[in-house]
């Protein structure tokens, strides 16, 4: 690779790191070409961008953006590295998990994940990452919690009105 090509890759990576608040660093070293193709298709289907780059270029791109912010990620930059960029923080974890189940394997290995400023290191974090709530899921829960008291009040009022209506109907024939 020429110096210009390396600089071009660094600029592309800087753009991706700036564009996305969430990215995963995975090890795809022992995957076959066919498996990598399947993984890429799964990523494409779920709007996850997958990029493979040299570790030194990834590190330079991260350092040029904010070396302190990404310090915890640098230890994960070894062996073959594939980056997964996503707006949805748990989508790459779901892709990795389902890919492993489908292939009955342990690859790709999660080396690290950067989720909205938090760093998750190691493959043992994958299960926790699949359970992260997305922004829309959290909003839905909050709306549900806010609606719950109002629904109870309305149900109580309706029940109260029905009870009074039955009492009036029962009292009417007695007159």
C-alpha atoms as a PDB file:
ATOM      1  CA  UNK A   1       0.000   0.000   0.000  1.00  0.00           C
ATOM      2  CA  UNK A   2       1.291   3.420  -0.873  1.00  0.00           C
ATOM      3  CA  UNK A   3       1.278   6.275   1.603  1.00  0.00           C
ATOM      4  CA  UNK A   4      -1.543   7.968  -0.320  1.00  0.00           C
ATOM      5  CA  UNK A   5      -3.650   4.800  -0.203  1.00  0.00           C
ATOM      6  CA  UNK A   6      -3.055   4.502   3.533  1.00  0.00           C
ATOM      7  CA  UNK A   7      -4.059   8.130   4.080  1.00  0.00           C
ATOM      8  CA  UNK A   8      -7.198   7.554   2.018  1.00  0.00           C
ATOM      9  CA  UNK A   9      -8.150   4.541   4.173  1.00  0.00           C
ATOM     10  CA  UNK A  10      -7.500   6.571   7.338  1.00  0.00           C
ATOM     11  CA  UNK A  11      -9.770   9.367   6.065  1.00  0.00           C
ATOM     12  CA  UNK A  12     -12.549   6.893   5.204  1.00  0.00           C
ATOM     13  CA  UNK A  13     -12.275   5.330   8.660  1.00  0.00           C
ATOM     14  CA  UNK A  14     -12.294   8.745  10.351  1.00  0.00           C
ATOM     15  CA  UNK A  15     -15.500   9.520   8.488  1.00  0.00           C
ATOM     16  CA  UNK A  16     -17.106   6.270   9.671  1.00  0.00           C
ATOM     17  CA  UNK A  17     -16.005   6.753  13.290  1.00  0.00           C
ATOM     18  CA  UNK A  18     -17.407  10.307  13.200  1.00  0.00           C
ATOM     19  CA  UNK A  19     -20.659   9.202  11.546  1.00  0.00           C
ATOM     20  CA  UNK A  20     -21.498   6.367  13.951  1.00  0.00           C
ATOM     21  CA  UNK A  21     -21.689   6.405  17.763  1.00  0.00           C
ATOM     22  CA  UNK A  22     -21.523   2.607  17.792  1.00  0.00           C
ATOM     23  CA  UNK A  23     -18.962   0.254  16.342  1.00  0.00           C
ATOM     24  CA  UNK A  24     -17.806  -3.277  17.017  1.00  0.00           C
ATOM     25  CA  UNK A  25     -14.307  -4.674  16.546  1.00  0.00           C
ATOM     26  CA  UNK A  26     -14.355  -8.350  15.618  1.00  0.00           C
ATOM     27  CA  UNK A  27     -11.846 -11.038  14.732  1.00  0.00           C
ATOM     28  CA  UNK A  28     -12.757 -12.806  11.502  1.00  0.00           C
ATOM     29  CA  UNK A  29      -9.391 -14.527  11.036  1.00  0.00           C
ATOM     30  CA  UNK A  30     -10.468 -18.169  10.715  1.00  0.00           C
ATOM     31  CA  UNK A  31     -13.608 -17.538   8.659  1.00  0.00           C
ATOM     32  CA  UNK A  32     -13.681 -18.839   5.103  1.00  0.00           C
ATOM     33  CA  UNK A  33     -14.309 -16.502   2.185  1.00  0.00           C
ATOM     34  CA  UNK A  34     -17.823 -17.939   1.924  1.00  0.00           C
ATOM     35  CA  UNK A  35     -18.487 -17.275   5.627  1.00  0.00           C
ATOM     36  CA  UNK A  36     -17.201 -13.705   5.355  1.00  0.00           C
ATOM     37  CA  UNK A  37     -19.543 -13.223   2.389  1.00  0.00           C
ATOM     38  CA  UNK A  38     -22.488 -14.490   4.452  1.00  0.00           C
ATOM     39  CA  UNK A  39     -21.509 -12.218   7.334  1.00  0.00           C
ATOM     40  CA  UNK A  40     -21.315  -9.217   4.987  1.00  0.00           C
ATOM     41  CA  UNK A  41     -24.766 -10.042   3.557  1.00  0.00           C
ATOM     42  CA  UNK A  42     -26.223 -10.330   7.067  1.00  0.00           C
ATOM     43  CA  UNK A  43     -24.726  -6.943   7.916  1.00  0.00           C
ATOM     44  CA  UNK A  44     -26.054  -5.384   4.710  1.00  0.00           C
ATOM     45  CA  UNK A  45     -29.551  -6.745   5.385  1.00  0.00           C
ATOM     46  CA  UNK A  46     -29.562  -5.122   8.840  1.00  0.00           C
ATOM     47  CA  UNK A  47     -28.048  -1.753   7.769  1.00  0.00           C
ATOM     48  CA  UNK A  48     -24.736  -2.484   9.468  1.00  0.00           C
ATOM     49  CA  UNK A  49     -21.595  -1.396   7.621  1.00  0.00           C
ATOM     50  CA  UNK A  50     -18.708  -3.840   7.756  1.00  0.00           C
ATOM     51  CA  UNK A  51     -15.156  -2.732   6.953  1.00  0.00           C
ATOM     52  CA  UNK A  52     -11.920  -4.681   7.130  1.00  0.00           C
ATOM     53  CA  UNK A  53      -8.777  -2.625   7.666  1.00  0.00           C
ATOM     54  CA  UNK A  54      -5.263  -2.893   9.012  1.00  0.00           C
ATOM     55  CA  UNK A  55      -5.002  -2.377  12.758  1.00  0.00           C
ATOM     56  CA  UNK A  56      -2.388   0.370  12.454  1.00  0.00           C
ATOM     57  CA  UNK A  57      -4.639   2.364  10.111  1.00  0.00           C
ATOM     58  CA  UNK A  58      -7.627   1.934  12.435  1.00  0.00           C
ATOM     59  CA  UNK A  59      -5.506   3.107  15.366  1.00  0.00           C
ATOM     60  CA  UNK A  60      -4.229   6.147  13.460  1.00  0.00           C
ATOM     61  CA  UNK A  61      -7.781   7.096  12.450  1.00  0.00           C
ATOM     62  CA  UNK A  62      -9.009   6.830  16.052  1.00  0.00           C
ATOM     63  CA  UNK A  63      -5.993   8.707  17.440  1.00  0.00           C
ATOM     64  CA  UNK A  64      -6.465  11.552  14.985  1.00  0.00           C
ATOM     65  CA  UNK A  65     -10.091  11.944  16.101  1.00  0.00           C
ATOM     66  CA  UNK A  66      -9.712  11.677  19.895  1.00  0.00           C
ATOM     67  CA  UNK A  67      -6.961   9.465  21.322  1.00  0.00           C
ATOM     68  CA  UNK A  68      -8.283   9.696  24.915  1.00  0.00           C
ATOM     69  CA  UNK A  69     -11.858   8.759  24.043  1.00  0.00           C
ATOM     70  CA  UNK A  70     -10.817   5.587  22.212  1.00  0.00           C
ATOM     71  CA  UNK A  71      -7.920   4.485  24.468  1.00  0.00           C
ATOM     72  CA  UNK A  72      -9.711   1.342  25.662  1.00  0.00           C
ATOM     73  CA  UNK A  73     -10.238   0.197  22.082  1.00  0.00           C
ATOM     74  CA  UNK A  74      -6.546   0.074  21.118  1.00  0.00           C
ATOM     75  CA  UNK A  75      -5.869  -3.174  22.995  1.00  0.00           C
ATOM     76  CA  UNK A  76      -8.399  -4.937  20.756  1.00  0.00           C
ATOM     77  CA  UNK A  77      -6.526  -4.033  17.585  1.00  0.00           C
ATOM     78  CA  UNK A  78      -4.670  -7.270  16.847  1.00  0.00           C
ATOM     79  CA  UNK A  79      -4.971 -10.145  14.365  1.00  0.00           C
ATOM     80  CA  UNK A  80      -7.492  -9.722  11.542  1.00  0.00           C
ATOM     81  CA  UNK A  81      -9.928  -6.942  12.348  1.00  0.00           C
ATOM     82  CA  UNK A  82     -13.363  -6.307  10.904  1.00  0.00           C
ATOM     83  CA  UNK A  83     -15.257  -3.219  12.009  1.00  0.00           C
ATOM     84  CA  UNK A  84     -19.042  -3.162  12.200  1.00  0.00           C
ATOM     85  CA  UNK A  85     -20.694   0.273  12.215  1.00  0.00           C
ATOM     86  CA  UNK A  86     -24.351   0.720  13.160  1.00  0.00           C
ATOM     87  CA  UNK A  87     -26.873   3.316  14.307  1.00  0.00           C
ATOM     88  CA  UNK A  88     -28.536   0.600  16.405  1.00  0.00           C
ATOM     89  CA  UNK A  89     -26.171  -0.345  19.263  1.00  0.00           C
ATOM     90  CA  UNK A  90     -27.280  -3.966  19.540  1.00  0.00           C
ATOM     91  CA  UNK A  91     -27.696  -4.925  15.877  1.00  0.00           C
ATOM     92  CA  UNK A  92     -24.052  -6.030  15.320  1.00  0.00           C
ATOM     93  CA  UNK A  93     -24.224  -8.170  18.486  1.00  0.00           C
ATOM     94  CA  UNK A  94     -27.402  -9.801  17.196  1.00  0.00           C
ATOM     95  CA  UNK A  95     -25.746 -10.461  13.822  1.00  0.00           C
ATOM     96  CA  UNK A  96     -22.678 -12.032  15.463  1.00  0.00           C
ATOM     97  CA  UNK A  97     -24.827 -14.202  17.750  1.00  0.00           C
ATOM     98  CA  UNK A  98     -27.103 -15.450  14.973  1.00  0.00           C
ATOM     99  CA  UNK A  99     -24.126 -16.029  12.662  1.00  0.00           C
ATOM    100  CA  UNK A 100     -22.463 -18.185  15.320  1.00  0.00           C
ATOM    101  CA  UNK A 101     -25.642 -20.211  15.864  1.00  0.00           C
ATOM    102  CA  UNK A 102     -26.081 -20.763  12.126  1.00  0.00           C
ATOM    103  CA  UNK A 103     -22.482 -21.901  11.649  1.00  0.00           C
ATOM    104  CA  UNK A 104     -22.185 -23.761  15.000  1.00  0.00           C
ATOM    105  CA  UNK A 105     -18.947 -21.897  15.640  1.00  0.00           C
ATOM    106  CA  UNK A 106     -17.261 -19.383  17.878  1.00  0.00           C
ATOM    107  CA  UNK A 107     -16.362 -16.936  15.124  1.00  0.00           C
ATOM    108  CA  UNK A 108     -16.451 -14.044  14.576  1.00  0.00           C
ATOM    109  CA  UNK A 109     -15.017 -13.189  17.972  1.00  0.00           C
ATOM    110  CA  UNK A 110     -16.002  -9.901  19.556  1.00  0.00           C
ATOM    111  CA  UNK A 111     -12.822  -8.087  20.530  1.00  0.00           C
ATOM    112  CA  UNK A 112     -14.443  -4.839  21.659  1.00  0.00           C
ATOM    113  CA  UNK A 113     -17.470  -2.635  21.166  1.00  0.00           C
ATOM    114  CA  UNK A 114     -17.776   1.131  21.443  1.00  0.00           C
ATOM    115  CA  UNK A 115     -21.375   2.030  22.307  1.00  0.00           C
ATOM    116  CA  UNK A 116     -22.211   5.720  22.780  1.00  0.00           C
ATOM    117  CA  UNK A 117     -18.901   6.396  24.527  1.00  0.00           C
ATOM    118  CA  UNK A 118     -18.785   3.184  26.574  1.00  0.00           C
ATOM    119  CA  UNK A 119     -16.273   0.445  25.784  1.00  0.00           C
ATOM    120  CA  UNK A 120     -17.106  -3.244  26.138  1.00  0.00           C
ATOM    121  CA  UNK A 121     -14.005  -5.424  25.900  1.00  0.00           C
ATOM    122  CA  UNK A 122     -13.916  -9.125  25.234  1.00  0.00           C
ATOM    123  CA  UNK A 123     -16.095 -11.791  23.715  1.00  0.00           C
ATOM    124  CA  UNK A 124     -17.773 -12.405  27.081  1.00  0.00           C
ATOM    125  CA  UNK A 125     -19.616  -9.075  26.627  1.00  0.00           C
ATOM    126  CA  UNK A 126     -21.561 -10.299  23.574  1.00  0.00           C
ATOM    127  CA  UNK A 127     -24.584 -11.553  25.510  1.00  0.00           C
ATOM    128  CA  UNK A 128     -24.882  -8.277  27.421  1.00  0.00           C
ATOM    129  CA  UNK A 129     -24.679  -6.334  24.163  1.00  0.00           C
ATOM    130  CA  UNK A 130     -27.539  -8.350  22.633  1.00  0.00           C
ATOM    131  CA  UNK A 131     -29.715  -7.214  25.537  1.00  0.00           C
ATOM    132  CA  UNK A 132     -29.032  -3.489  25.232  1.00  0.00           C
ATOM    133  CA  UNK A 133     -32.234  -1.530  24.750  1.00  0.00           C
ATOM    134  CA  UNK A 134     -32.376   0.673  21.669  1.00  0.00           C
ATOM    135  CA  UNK A 135     -33.510   4.273  21.839  1.00  0.00           C
ATOM    136  CA  UNK A 136     -36.914   3.362  20.376  1.00  0.00           C
ATOM    137  CA  UNK A 137     -37.377   0.508  22.866  1.00  0.00           C
ATOM    138  CA  UNK A 138     -36.610   2.862  25.776  1.00  0.00           C
ATOM    139  CA  UNK A 139     -38.993   5.502  24.430  1.00  0.00           C
ATOM    140  CA  UNK A 140     -41.703   2.846  24.109  1.00  0.00           C
ATOM    141  CA  UNK A 141     -41.185   1.746  27.708  1.00  0.00           C
ATOM    142  CA  UNK A 142     -41.362   5.334  28.993  1.00  0.00           C
ATOM    143  CA  UNK A 143     -44.547   5.991  27.012  1.00  0.00           C
ATOM    144  CA  UNK A 144     -46.041   2.768  28.364  1.00  0.00           C
ATOM    145  CA  UNK A 145     -45.179   3.798  31.920  1.00  0.00           C
ATOM    146  CA  UNK A 146     -46.647   7.254  31.393  1.00  0.00           C
ATOM    147  CA  UNK A 147     -49.851   5.840  29.898  1.00  0.00           C
ATOM    148  CA  UNK A 148     -50.351   3.274  32.645  1.00  0.00           C
ATOM    149  CA  UNK A 149     -51.672   5.661  35.372  1.00  0.00           C
ATOM    150  CA  UNK A 150     -53.976   7.406  32.878  1.00  0.00           C
ATOM    151  CA  UNK A 151     -55.358   4.050  31.727  1.00  0.00           C
ATOM    152  CA  UNK A 152     -56.052   3.052  35.333  1.00  0.00           C
ATOM    153  CA  UNK A 153     -57.922   6.308  36.015  1.00  0.00           C
ATOM    154  CA  UNK A 154     -60.016   5.925  32.854  1.00  0.00           C
ATOM    155  CA  UNK A 155     -60.751   2.276  33.677  1.00  0.00           C
ATOM    156  CA  UNK A 156     -61.807   3.237  37.210  1.00  0.00           C
ATOM    157  CA  UNK A 157     -64.064   6.030  35.914  1.00  0.00           C
ATOM    158  CA  UNK A 158     -65.643   3.721  33.350  1.00  0.00           C
ATOM    159  CA  UNK A 159     -66.161   1.017  35.960  1.00  0.00           C
ATOM    160  CA  UNK A 160     -67.633   3.564  38.345  1.00  0.00           C
ATOM    161  CA  UNK A 161     -69.984   4.891  35.642  1.00  0.00           C
ATOM    162  CA  UNK A 162     -71.082   1.348  34.742  1.00  0.00           C
ATOM    163  CA  UNK A 163     -71.728   0.511  38.378  1.00  0.00           C
ATOM    164  CA  UNK A 164     -73.882   3.631  38.839  1.00  0.00           C
ATOM    165  CA  UNK A 165     -75.743   2.846  35.602  1.00  0.00           C
ATOM    166  CA  UNK A 166     -76.575  -0.687  36.865  1.00  0.00           C
ATOM    167  CA  UNK A 167     -77.768   0.701  40.187  1.00  0.00           C
ATOM    168  CA  UNK A 168     -80.074   3.151  38.397  1.00  0.00           C
ATOM    169  CA  UNK A 169     -81.499   0.397  36.185  1.00  0.00           C
ATOM    170  CA  UNK A 170     -82.115  -1.842  39.181  1.00  0.00           C
ATOM    171  CA  UNK A 171     -83.732   0.950  41.146  1.00  0.00           C
ATOM    172  CA  UNK A 172     -86.072   1.954  38.305  1.00  0.00           C
ATOM    173  CA  UNK A 173     -88.413  -1.111  38.393  1.00  0.00           C
ATOM    174  CA  UNK A 174     -88.883  -0.806  42.167  1.00  0.00           C
ATOM    175  CA  UNK A 175     -90.607   2.559  41.816  1.00  0.00           C
END
